[in-house]
């Protein structure tokens, strides 16, 4: 039996499933958690202390030193801002190719947002970026997230000078559209706006899903 006593002491386990190096930062996935290394400090990520859907991870892909997407057996988890440990986790409901996104800071749930179209299946195998878009490969099909209006990390809301305050909470909202993948599903494209996210009272930061992922073709279609 192997016991990891400290969260931030290196890679979580010897069974490492992926590594992605961007902006001088190394992101690691394993069967027993994930980690980030900035050249000096390690940070471990586990399903009980952040938005990582599961400790069992098949792969990952980093977009920057602050953002990485993790392919777990319980959904697609995206660390959108490593500095504040802000996560968006995409979970399908298993029906009608729809699902929801959980927005978390550390181990605190901020919001649950209905995404409409979502990843085709819980079991994620791989993820890749195509410009601002995201492709998610699962055990039952491929999903595509349309990244129109994508922005990295967190964004300050637009406010007038009269509304600004020194300690005003920062919120962002999603402006992305959801769209099913094209052929061979042979379904018409639709564009469904994501619901806005409002900061709960007293919240320091909040983050709306930057990539509502559209479910693609499932096996049997």
Foldseek 3Di string as FASTA:
>chain_A
DDDDPDFWDDAPDPAWQEWEAAPCKIKTAGQQWIWIDNPDTIGTGAVQWAPDQHNGFNYKYAPHSAWIWTFHLAFIKIRQGNVQRWIWTFGAPQPPQWTWIWIIGTNHTFDIWTLGHAANHRGWNDWDDDPQKIWTDGPFAIKIWDQVPFDGHFDADDDDPVPDDPQDAGEDFEAGFEWEDDPPVPDDTDTDGTDTDDGDPPDRYTYYDSTRIGYYGGPPD
